[in-house]
Amino acid sequence: MSNRRKFSPEFKAEAVELLISSGRPIVQVAKEIGVSDGTLGNWVRAWKEEHPEALQDDPGPVEWAKYKALQAENAELKREIEFLGKVSAFFAAKQR
């Protein structure tokens, strides 16, 4: 006899929704809901095949890494601008 468990379509849909909405890794969500990560991965792959338009705007890991790098660069430039503003104000006051 087989020890395979059967899951309802509703359970699968809720598991996929939990994974997508939480942004957490498949392994973590699978452990939380009591299924193997391979099983949950299969459910997500099937869902993505059925709904190709749903994740078109979702950035991939490369785009996300570029976004984070640009955020860091932007923050550094803001700090530099703030510093240069203070320095120029200091020297302008000293010239008077």
PDB file of N, CA and C in Angstrom:
ATOM      1  N   MET A   1       0.825  -1.185   0.000  1.00  0.00           N
ATOM      2  CA  MET A   1       0.000   0.000   0.000  1.00  0.00           C
ATOM      3  C   MET A   1       0.872   1.252   0.000  1.00  0.00           C
ATOM      4  N   SER A   2       0.307   2.333  -0.470  1.00  0.00           N
ATOM      5  CA  SER A   2       1.037   3.590  -0.586  1.00  0.00           C
ATOM      6  C   SER A   2       0.767   4.480   0.618  1.00  0.00           C
ATOM      7  N   ASN A   3       1.789   5.160   1.058  1.00  0.00           N
ATOM      8  CA  ASN A   3       1.652   6.102   2.167  1.00  0.00           C
ATOM      9  C   ASN A   3       1.516   7.535   1.670  1.00  0.00           C
ATOM     10  N   ARG A   4       1.214   7.691   0.403  1.00  0.00           N
ATOM     11  CA  ARG A   4       1.091   9.031  -0.162  1.00  0.00           C
ATOM     12  C   ARG A   4      -0.125   9.738   0.405  1.00  0.00           C
ATOM     13  N   ARG A   5       0.077  10.987   0.755  1.00  0.00           N
ATOM     14  CA  ARG A   5      -1.041  11.792   1.241  1.00  0.00           C
ATOM     15  C   ARG A   5      -1.652  12.528   0.060  1.00  0.00           C
ATOM     16  N   LYS A   6      -2.936  12.732   0.130  1.00  0.00           N
ATOM     17  CA  LYS A   6      -3.652  13.473  -0.905  1.00  0.00           C
ATOM     18  C   LYS A   6      -4.014  14.844  -0.337  1.00  0.00           C
ATOM     19  N   PHE A   7      -3.797  15.873  -1.135  1.00  0.00           N
ATOM     20  CA  PHE A   7      -4.114  17.228  -0.711  1.00  0.00           C
ATOM     21  C   PHE A   7      -5.189  17.791  -1.619  1.00  0.00           C
ATOM     22  N   SER A   8      -6.105  18.523  -1.029  1.00  0.00           N
ATOM     23  CA  SER A   8      -7.196  19.111  -1.808  1.00  0.00           C
ATOM     24  C   SER A   8      -6.658  20.270  -2.648  1.00  0.00           C
ATOM     25  N   PRO A   9      -7.349  20.574  -3.738  1.00  0.00           N
ATOM     26  CA  PRO A   9      -6.945  21.729  -4.551  1.00  0.00           C
ATOM     27  C   PRO A   9      -6.949  23.035  -3.756  1.00  0.00           C
ATOM     28  N   GLU A  10      -7.862  23.142  -2.799  1.00  0.00           N
ATOM     29  CA  GLU A  10      -7.924  24.346  -1.972  1.00  0.00           C
ATOM     30  C   GLU A  10      -6.669  24.476  -1.107  1.00  0.00           C
ATOM     31  N   PHE A  11      -6.212  23.357  -0.534  1.00  0.00           N
ATOM     32  CA  PHE A  11      -5.008  23.368   0.281  1.00  0.00           C
ATOM     33  C   PHE A  11      -3.802  23.772  -0.556  1.00  0.00           C
ATOM     34  N   LYS A  12      -3.719  23.208  -1.751  1.00  0.00           N
ATOM     35  CA  LYS A  12      -2.602  23.530  -2.640  1.00  0.00           C
ATOM     36  C   LYS A  12      -2.611  25.012  -3.002  1.00  0.00           C
ATOM     37  N   ALA A  13      -3.796  25.532  -3.333  1.00  0.00           N
ATOM     38  CA  ALA A  13      -3.906  26.939  -3.712  1.00  0.00           C
ATOM     39  C   ALA A  13      -3.526  27.852  -2.547  1.00  0.00           C
ATOM     40  N   GLU A  14      -3.965  27.499  -1.344  1.00  0.00           N
ATOM     41  CA  GLU A  14      -3.622  28.307  -0.177  1.00  0.00           C
ATOM     42  C   GLU A  14      -2.129  28.233   0.129  1.00  0.00           C
ATOM     43  N   ALA A  15      -1.527  27.073  -0.074  1.00  0.00           N
ATOM     44  CA  ALA A  15      -0.092  26.927   0.158  1.00  0.00           C
ATOM     45  C   ALA A  15       0.705  27.784  -0.825  1.00  0.00           C
ATOM     46  N   VAL A  16       0.312  27.772  -2.084  1.00  0.00           N
ATOM     47  CA  VAL A  16       0.991  28.578  -3.098  1.00  0.00           C
ATOM     48  C   VAL A  16       0.805  30.060  -2.788  1.00  0.00           C
ATOM     49  N   GLU A  17      -0.396  30.459  -2.408  1.00  0.00           N
ATOM     50  CA  GLU A  17      -0.665  31.857  -2.063  1.00  0.00           C
ATOM     51  C   GLU A  17       0.176  32.291  -0.866  1.00  0.00           C
ATOM     52  N   LEU A  18       0.288  31.433   0.138  1.00  0.00           N
ATOM     53  CA  LEU A  18       1.114  31.735   1.304  1.00  0.00           C
ATOM     54  C   LEU A  18       2.566  31.946   0.894  1.00  0.00           C
ATOM     55  N   LEU A  19       3.067  31.082   0.054  1.00  0.00           N
ATOM     56  CA  LEU A  19       4.454  31.194  -0.403  1.00  0.00           C
ATOM     57  C   LEU A  19       4.673  32.489  -1.168  1.00  0.00           C
ATOM     58  N   ILE A  20       3.805  32.793  -2.104  1.00  0.00           N
ATOM     59  CA  ILE A  20       3.975  33.973  -2.947  1.00  0.00           C
ATOM     60  C   ILE A  20       3.813  35.256  -2.136  1.00  0.00           C
ATOM     61  N   SER A  21       2.811  35.299  -1.280  1.00  0.00           N
ATOM     62  CA  SER A  21       2.555  36.526  -0.526  1.00  0.00           C
ATOM     63  C   SER A  21       3.593  36.772   0.563  1.00  0.00           C
ATOM     64  N   SER A  22       4.161  35.707   1.118  1.00  0.00           N
ATOM     65  CA  SER A  22       5.115  35.892   2.214  1.00  0.00           C
ATOM     66  C   SER A  22       6.509  36.241   1.715  1.00  0.00           C
ATOM     67  N   GLY A  23       6.862  35.787   0.513  1.00  0.00           N
ATOM     68  CA  GLY A  23       8.198  36.049  -0.006  1.00  0.00           C
ATOM     69  C   GLY A  23       9.274  35.206   0.661  1.00  0.00           C
ATOM     70  N   ARG A  24       8.868  34.230   1.433  1.00  0.00           N
ATOM     71  CA  ARG A  24       9.828  33.370   2.123  1.00  0.00           C
ATOM     72  C   ARG A  24      10.247  32.214   1.221  1.00  0.00           C
ATOM     73  N   PRO A  25      11.347  31.553   1.550  1.00  0.00           N
ATOM     74  CA  PRO A  25      11.813  30.424   0.743  1.00  0.00           C
ATOM     75  C   PRO A  25      10.832  29.245   0.778  1.00  0.00           C
ATOM     76  N   ILE A  26      10.855  28.466  -0.285  1.00  0.00           N
ATOM     77  CA  ILE A  26       9.978  27.297  -0.390  1.00  0.00           C
ATOM     78  C   ILE A  26      10.213  26.341   0.779  1.00  0.00           C
ATOM     79  N   VAL A  27      11.475  26.131   1.130  1.00  0.00           N
ATOM     80  CA  VAL A  27      11.805  25.181   2.200  1.00  0.00           C
ATOM     81  C   VAL A  27      11.135  25.588   3.508  1.00  0.00           C
ATOM     82  N   GLN A  28      11.172  26.871   3.825  1.00  0.00           N
ATOM     83  CA  GLN A  28      10.605  27.356   5.081  1.00  0.00           C
ATOM     84  C   GLN A  28       9.087  27.194   5.107  1.00  0.00           C
ATOM     85  N   VAL A  29       8.426  27.578   4.025  1.00  0.00           N
ATOM     86  CA  VAL A  29       6.963  27.471   3.972  1.00  0.00           C
ATOM     87  C   VAL A  29       6.530  26.008   3.970  1.00  0.00           C
ATOM     88  N   ALA A  30       7.243  25.171   3.222  1.00  0.00           N
ATOM     89  CA  ALA A  30       6.897  23.751   3.161  1.00  0.00           C
ATOM     90  C   ALA A  30       6.986  23.115   4.543  1.00  0.00           C
ATOM     91  N   LYS A  31       8.022  23.441   5.273  1.00  0.00           N
ATOM     92  CA  LYS A  31       8.189  22.891   6.627  1.00  0.00           C
ATOM     93  C   LYS A  31       7.057  23.365   7.530  1.00  0.00           C
ATOM     94  N   GLU A  32       6.676  24.624   7.369  1.00  0.00           N
ATOM     95  CA  GLU A  32       5.616  25.206   8.190  1.00  0.00           C
ATOM     96  C   GLU A  32       4.269  24.521   7.968  1.00  0.00           C
ATOM     97  N   ILE A  33       3.966  24.170   6.708  1.00  0.00           N
ATOM     98  CA  ILE A  33       2.659  23.574   6.420  1.00  0.00           C
ATOM     99  C   ILE A  33       2.693  22.043   6.410  1.00  0.00           C
ATOM    100  N   GLY A  34       3.879  21.462   6.583  1.00  0.00           N
ATOM    101  CA  GLY A  34       3.971  20.013   6.723  1.00  0.00           C
ATOM    102  C   GLY A  34       4.022  19.224   5.431  1.00  0.00           C
ATOM    103  N   VAL A  35       4.606  19.806   4.379  1.00  0.00           N
ATOM    104  CA  VAL A  35       4.797  19.075   3.127  1.00  0.00           C
ATOM    105  C   VAL A  35       6.277  19.170   2.751  1.00  0.00           C
ATOM    106  N   SER A  36       6.693  18.343   1.818  1.00  0.00           N
ATOM    107  CA  SER A  36       8.090  18.412   1.384  1.00  0.00           C
ATOM    108  C   SER A  36       8.274  19.621   0.471  1.00  0.00           C
ATOM    109  N   ASP A  37       9.514  20.122   0.446  1.00  0.00           N
ATOM    110  CA  ASP A  37       9.776  21.287  -0.391  1.00  0.00           C
ATOM    111  C   ASP A  37       9.618  20.958  -1.872  1.00  0.00           C
ATOM    112  N   GLY A  38       9.892  19.722  -2.263  1.00  0.00           N
ATOM    113  CA  GLY A  38       9.700  19.312  -3.652  1.00  0.00           C
ATOM    114  C   GLY A  38       8.233  19.342  -4.055  1.00  0.00           C
ATOM    115  N   THR A  39       7.382  18.909  -3.151  1.00  0.00           N
ATOM    116  CA  THR A  39       5.942  18.915  -3.415  1.00  0.00           C
ATOM    117  C   THR A  39       5.439  20.343  -3.584  1.00  0.00           C
ATOM    118  N   LEU A  40       5.815  21.210  -2.658  1.00  0.00           N
ATOM    119  CA  LEU A  40       5.384  22.602  -2.749  1.00  0.00           C
ATOM    120  C   LEU A  40       5.954  23.257  -4.006  1.00  0.00           C
ATOM    121  N   GLY A  41       7.177  22.934  -4.344  1.00  0.00           N
ATOM    122  CA  GLY A  41       7.777  23.460  -5.567  1.00  0.00           C
ATOM    123  C   GLY A  41       7.003  23.037  -6.803  1.00  0.00           C
ATOM    124  N   ASN A  42       6.547  21.797  -6.815  1.00  0.00           N
ATOM    125  CA  ASN A  42       5.730  21.312  -7.937  1.00  0.00           C
ATOM    126  C   ASN A  42       4.406  22.070  -8.026  1.00  0.00           C
ATOM    127  N   TRP A  43       3.801  22.329  -6.880  1.00  0.00           N
ATOM    128  CA  TRP A  43       2.542  23.073  -6.870  1.00  0.00           C
ATOM    129  C   TRP A  43       2.749  24.492  -7.388  1.00  0.00           C
ATOM    130  N   VAL A  44       3.853  25.121  -6.994  1.00  0.00           N
ATOM    131  CA  VAL A  44       4.137  26.482  -7.446  1.00  0.00           C
ATOM    132  C   VAL A  44       4.405  26.494  -8.949  1.00  0.00           C
ATOM    133  N   ARG A  45       5.181  25.524  -9.441  1.00  0.00           N
ATOM    134  CA  ARG A  45       5.473  25.448 -10.870  1.00  0.00           C
ATOM    135  C   ARG A  45       4.185  25.272 -11.669  1.00  0.00           C
ATOM    136  N   ALA A  46       3.310  24.390 -11.192  1.00  0.00           N
ATOM    137  CA  ALA A  46       2.032  24.169 -11.879  1.00  0.00           C
ATOM    138  C   ALA A  46       1.188  25.444 -11.870  1.00  0.00           C
ATOM    139  N   TRP A  47       1.184  26.152 -10.753  1.00  0.00           N
ATOM    140  CA  TRP A  47       0.419  27.389 -10.659  1.00  0.00           C
ATOM    141  C   TRP A  47       0.960  28.429 -11.633  1.00  0.00           C
ATOM    142  N   LYS A  48       2.290  28.544 -11.709  1.00  0.00           N
ATOM    143  CA  LYS A  48       2.898  29.515 -12.623  1.00  0.00           C
ATOM    144  C   LYS A  48       2.593  29.172 -14.076  1.00  0.00           C
ATOM    145  N   GLU A  49       2.531  27.886 -14.407  1.00  0.00           N
ATOM    146  CA  GLU A  49       2.186  27.484 -15.767  1.00  0.00           C
ATOM    147  C   GLU A  49       0.739  27.831 -16.091  1.00  0.00           C
ATOM    148  N   GLU A  50      -0.142  27.733 -15.093  1.00  0.00           N
ATOM    149  CA  GLU A  50      -1.552  28.056 -15.291  1.00  0.00           C
ATOM    150  C   GLU A  50      -1.803  29.561 -15.298  1.00  0.00           C
ATOM    151  N   HIS A  51      -0.951  30.339 -14.629  1.00  0.00           N
ATOM    152  CA  HIS A  51      -1.128  31.784 -14.496  1.00  0.00           C
ATOM    153  C   HIS A  51       0.143  32.526 -14.928  1.00  0.00           C
ATOM    154  N   PRO A  52       0.511  32.453 -16.195  1.00  0.00           N
ATOM    155  CA  PRO A  52       1.772  33.081 -16.616  1.00  0.00           C
ATOM    156  C   PRO A  52       1.751  34.606 -16.508  1.00  0.00           C
ATOM    157  N   GLU A  53       0.581  35.203 -16.574  1.00  0.00           N
ATOM    158  CA  GLU A  53       0.484  36.655 -16.513  1.00  0.00           C
ATOM    159  C   GLU A  53       0.609  37.192 -15.097  1.00  0.00           C
ATOM    160  N   ALA A  54       0.421  36.346 -14.106  1.00  0.00           N
ATOM    161  CA  ALA A  54       0.368  36.807 -12.715  1.00  0.00           C
ATOM    162  C   ALA A  54       1.701  37.340 -12.215  1.00  0.00           C
ATOM    163  N   LEU A  55       2.802  36.783 -12.641  1.00  0.00           N
ATOM    164  CA  LEU A  55       4.101  37.167 -12.095  1.00  0.00           C
ATOM    165  C   LEU A  55       4.987  37.869 -13.117  1.00  0.00           C
ATOM    166  N   GLN A  56       4.435  38.447 -14.134  1.00  0.00           N
ATOM    167  CA  GLN A  56       5.247  39.107 -15.151  1.00  0.00           C
ATOM    168  C   GLN A  56       5.993  40.305 -14.585  1.00  0.00           C
ATOM    169  N   ASP A  57       5.400  41.020 -13.663  1.00  0.00           N
ATOM    170  CA  ASP A  57       6.042  42.200 -13.099  1.00  0.00           C
ATOM    171  C   ASP A  57       6.939  41.859 -11.922  1.00  0.00           C
ATOM    172  N   ASP A  58       6.963  40.610 -11.510  1.00  0.00           N
ATOM    173  CA  ASP A  58       7.777  40.194 -10.376  1.00  0.00           C
ATOM    174  C   ASP A  58       9.250  40.160 -10.785  1.00  0.00           C
ATOM    175  N   PRO A  59      10.089  40.958 -10.135  1.00  0.00           N
ATOM    176  CA  PRO A  59      11.498  40.969 -10.524  1.00  0.00           C
ATOM    177  C   PRO A  59      12.204  39.673 -10.144  1.00  0.00           C
ATOM    178  N   GLY A  60      13.112  39.266 -10.985  1.00  0.00           N
ATOM    179  CA  GLY A  60      13.898  38.082 -10.697  1.00  0.00           C
ATOM    180  C   GLY A  60      15.032  38.420  -9.742  1.00  0.00           C
ATOM    181  N   PRO A  61      15.823  37.432  -9.379  1.00  0.00           N
ATOM    182  CA  PRO A  61      16.899  37.677  -8.418  1.00  0.00           C
ATOM    183  C   PRO A  61      17.956  38.647  -8.933  1.00  0.00           C
ATOM    184  N   VAL A  62      18.224  38.633 -10.225  1.00  0.00           N
ATOM    185  CA  VAL A  62      19.229  39.551 -10.771  1.00  0.00           C
ATOM    186  C   VAL A  62      18.712  40.982 -10.705  1.00  0.00           C
ATOM    187  N   GLU A  63      17.458  41.204 -11.099  1.00  0.00           N
ATOM    188  CA  GLU A  63      16.873  42.544 -11.032  1.00  0.00           C
ATOM    189  C   GLU A  63      16.801  43.031  -9.589  1.00  0.00           C
ATOM    190  N   TRP A  64      16.472  42.131  -8.675  1.00  0.00           N
ATOM    191  CA  TRP A  64      16.384  42.504  -7.264  1.00  0.00           C
ATOM    192  C   TRP A  64      17.760  42.902  -6.725  1.00  0.00           C
ATOM    193  N   ALA A  65      18.795  42.179  -7.110  1.00  0.00           N
ATOM    194  CA  ALA A  65      20.152  42.510  -6.669  1.00  0.00           C
ATOM    195  C   ALA A  65      20.579  43.870  -7.227  1.00  0.00           C
ATOM    196  N   LYS A  66      20.247  44.126  -8.494  1.00  0.00           N
ATOM    197  CA  LYS A  66      20.562  45.435  -9.088  1.00  0.00           C
ATOM    198  C   LYS A  66      19.818  46.546  -8.353  1.00  0.00           C
ATOM    199  N   TYR A  67      18.569  46.306  -8.025  1.00  0.00           N
ATOM    200  CA  TYR A  67      17.754  47.282  -7.305  1.00  0.00           C
ATOM    201  C   TYR A  67      18.372  47.602  -5.953  1.00  0.00           C
ATOM    202  N   LYS A  68      18.787  46.582  -5.221  1.00  0.00           N
ATOM    203  CA  LYS A  68      19.391  46.789  -3.901  1.00  0.00           C
ATOM    204  C   LYS A  68      20.713  47.546  -4.034  1.00  0.00           C
ATOM    205  N   ALA A  69      21.513  47.232  -5.056  1.00  0.00           N
ATOM    206  CA  ALA A  69      22.782  47.931  -5.269  1.00  0.00           C
ATOM    207  C   ALA A  69      22.532  49.403  -5.583  1.00  0.00           C
ATOM    208  N   LEU A  70      21.517  49.677  -6.394  1.00  0.00           N
ATOM    209  CA  LEU A  70      21.190  51.061  -6.721  1.00  0.00           C
ATOM    210  C   LEU A  70      20.674  51.816  -5.502  1.00  0.00           C
ATOM    211  N   GLN A  71      19.936  51.149  -4.644  1.00  0.00           N
ATOM    212  CA  GLN A  71      19.478  51.789  -3.415  1.00  0.00           C
ATOM    213  C   GLN A  71      20.662  52.174  -2.541  1.00  0.00           C
ATOM    214  N   ALA A  72      21.638  51.283  -2.422  1.00  0.00           N
ATOM    215  CA  ALA A  72      22.818  51.562  -1.610  1.00  0.00           C
ATOM    216  C   ALA A  72      23.606  52.729  -2.206  1.00  0.00           C
ATOM    217  N   GLU A  73      23.772  52.731  -3.522  1.00  0.00           N
ATOM    218  CA  GLU A  73      24.492  53.815  -4.185  1.00  0.00           C
ATOM    219  C   GLU A  73      23.760  55.144  -3.998  1.00  0.00           C
ATOM    220  N   ASN A  74      22.453  55.114  -4.102  1.00  0.00           N
ATOM    221  CA  ASN A  74      21.652  56.316  -3.923  1.00  0.00           C
ATOM    222  C   ASN A  74      21.808  56.872  -2.505  1.00  0.00           C
ATOM    223  N   ALA A  75      21.796  56.013  -1.521  1.00  0.00           N
ATOM    224  CA  ALA A  75      21.968  56.448  -0.134  1.00  0.00           C
ATOM    225  C   ALA A  75      23.350  57.075   0.067  1.00  0.00           C
ATOM    226  N   GLU A  76      24.369  56.469  -0.516  1.00  0.00           N
ATOM    227  CA  GLU A  76      25.732  57.006  -0.408  1.00  0.00           C
ATOM    228  C   GLU A  76      25.819  58.387  -1.068  1.00  0.00           C
ATOM    229  N   LEU A  77      25.220  58.552  -2.230  1.00  0.00           N
ATOM    230  CA  LEU A  77      25.236  59.846  -2.908  1.00  0.00           C
ATOM    231  C   LEU A  77      24.495  60.911  -2.110  1.00  0.00           C
ATOM    232  N   LYS A  78      23.406  60.539  -1.467  1.00  0.00           N
ATOM    233  CA  LYS A  78      22.678  61.490  -0.626  1.00  0.00           C
ATOM    234  C   LYS A  78      23.543  61.941   0.541  1.00  0.00           C
ATOM    235  N   ARG A  79      24.282  61.011   1.142  1.00  0.00           N
ATOM    236  CA  ARG A  79      25.182  61.374   2.251  1.00  0.00           C
ATOM    237  C   ARG A  79      26.273  62.318   1.756  1.00  0.00           C
ATOM    238  N   GLU A  80      26.819  62.055   0.572  1.00  0.00           N
ATOM    239  CA  GLU A  80      27.861  62.922   0.015  1.00  0.00           C
ATOM    240  C   GLU A  80      27.325  64.324  -0.265  1.00  0.00           C
ATOM    241  N   ILE A  81      26.135  64.413  -0.818  1.00  0.00           N
ATOM    242  CA  ILE A  81      25.531  65.718  -1.108  1.00  0.00           C
ATOM    243  C   ILE A  81      25.304  66.494   0.182  1.00  0.00           C
ATOM    244  N   GLU A  82      24.813  65.810   1.199  1.00  0.00           N
ATOM    245  CA  GLU A  82      24.588  66.457   2.489  1.00  0.00           C
ATOM    246  C   GLU A  82      25.905  66.973   3.072  1.00  0.00           C
ATOM    247  N   PHE A  83      26.947  66.157   3.000  1.00  0.00           N
ATOM    248  CA  PHE A  83      28.258  66.549   3.504  1.00  0.00           C
ATOM    249  C   PHE A  83      28.801  67.749   2.737  1.00  0.00           C
ATOM    250  N   LEU A  84      28.718  67.713   1.411  1.00  0.00           N
ATOM    251  CA  LEU A  84      29.218  68.826   0.609  1.00  0.00           C
ATOM    252  C   LEU A  84      28.435  70.106   0.877  1.00  0.00           C
ATOM    253  N   GLY A  85      27.162  69.994   1.126  1.00  0.00           N
ATOM    254  CA  GLY A  85      26.363  71.172   1.474  1.00  0.00           C
ATOM    255  C   GLY A  85      26.837  71.787   2.776  1.00  0.00           C
ATOM    256  N   LYS A  86      27.125  70.945   3.765  1.00  0.00           N
ATOM    257  CA  LYS A  86      27.613  71.450   5.054  1.00  0.00           C
ATOM    258  C   LYS A  86      28.990  72.089   4.903  1.00  0.00           C
ATOM    259  N   VAL A  87      29.866  71.452   4.111  1.00  0.00           N
ATOM    260  CA  VAL A  87      31.212  71.983   3.908  1.00  0.00           C
ATOM    261  C   VAL A  87      31.156  73.329   3.200  1.00  0.00           C
ATOM    262  N   SER A  88      30.334  73.429   2.157  1.00  0.00           N
ATOM    263  CA  SER A  88      30.249  74.698   1.434  1.00  0.00           C
ATOM    264  C   SER A  88      29.656  75.792   2.307  1.00  0.00           C
ATOM    265  N   ALA A  89      28.696  75.454   3.158  1.00  0.00           N
ATOM    266  CA  ALA A  89      28.133  76.438   4.083  1.00  0.00           C
ATOM    267  C   ALA A  89      29.197  76.890   5.080  1.00  0.00           C
ATOM    268  N   PHE A  90      30.010  75.973   5.555  1.00  0.00           N
ATOM    269  CA  PHE A  90      31.085  76.298   6.496  1.00  0.00           C
ATOM    270  C   PHE A  90      32.057  77.278   5.865  1.00  0.00           C
ATOM    271  N   PHE A  91      32.533  76.994   4.642  1.00  0.00           N
ATOM    272  CA  PHE A  91      33.501  77.861   3.981  1.00  0.00           C
ATOM    273  C   PHE A  91      32.889  79.197   3.569  1.00  0.00           C
ATOM    274  N   ALA A  92      31.608  79.187   3.211  1.00  0.00           N
ATOM    275  CA  ALA A  92      30.947  80.444   2.863  1.00  0.00           C
ATOM    276  C   ALA A  92      30.841  81.341   4.101  1.00  0.00           C
ATOM    277  N   ALA A  93      30.565  80.751   5.237  1.00  0.00           N
ATOM    278  CA  ALA A  93      30.486  81.523   6.477  1.00  0.00           C
ATOM    279  C   ALA A  93      31.859  82.032   6.889  1.00  0.00           C
ATOM    280  N   LYS A  94      32.896  81.264   6.640  1.00  0.00           N
ATOM    281  CA  LYS A  94      34.261  81.630   7.015  1.00  0.00           C
ATOM    282  C   LYS A  94      34.785  82.769   6.144  1.00  0.00           C
ATOM    283  N   GLN A  95      34.317  82.894   4.921  1.00  0.00           N
ATOM    284  CA  GLN A  95      34.759  83.932   3.999  1.00  0.00           C
ATOM    285  C   GLN A  95      34.219  85.310   4.404  1.00  0.00           C
ATOM    286  N   ARG A  96      33.194  85.375   5.162  1.00  0.00           N
ATOM    287  CA  ARG A  96      32.573  86.664   5.530  1.00  0.00           C
ATOM    288  C   ARG A  96      33.326  87.370   6.562  1.00  0.00           C
TER     289      ARG A  96
END
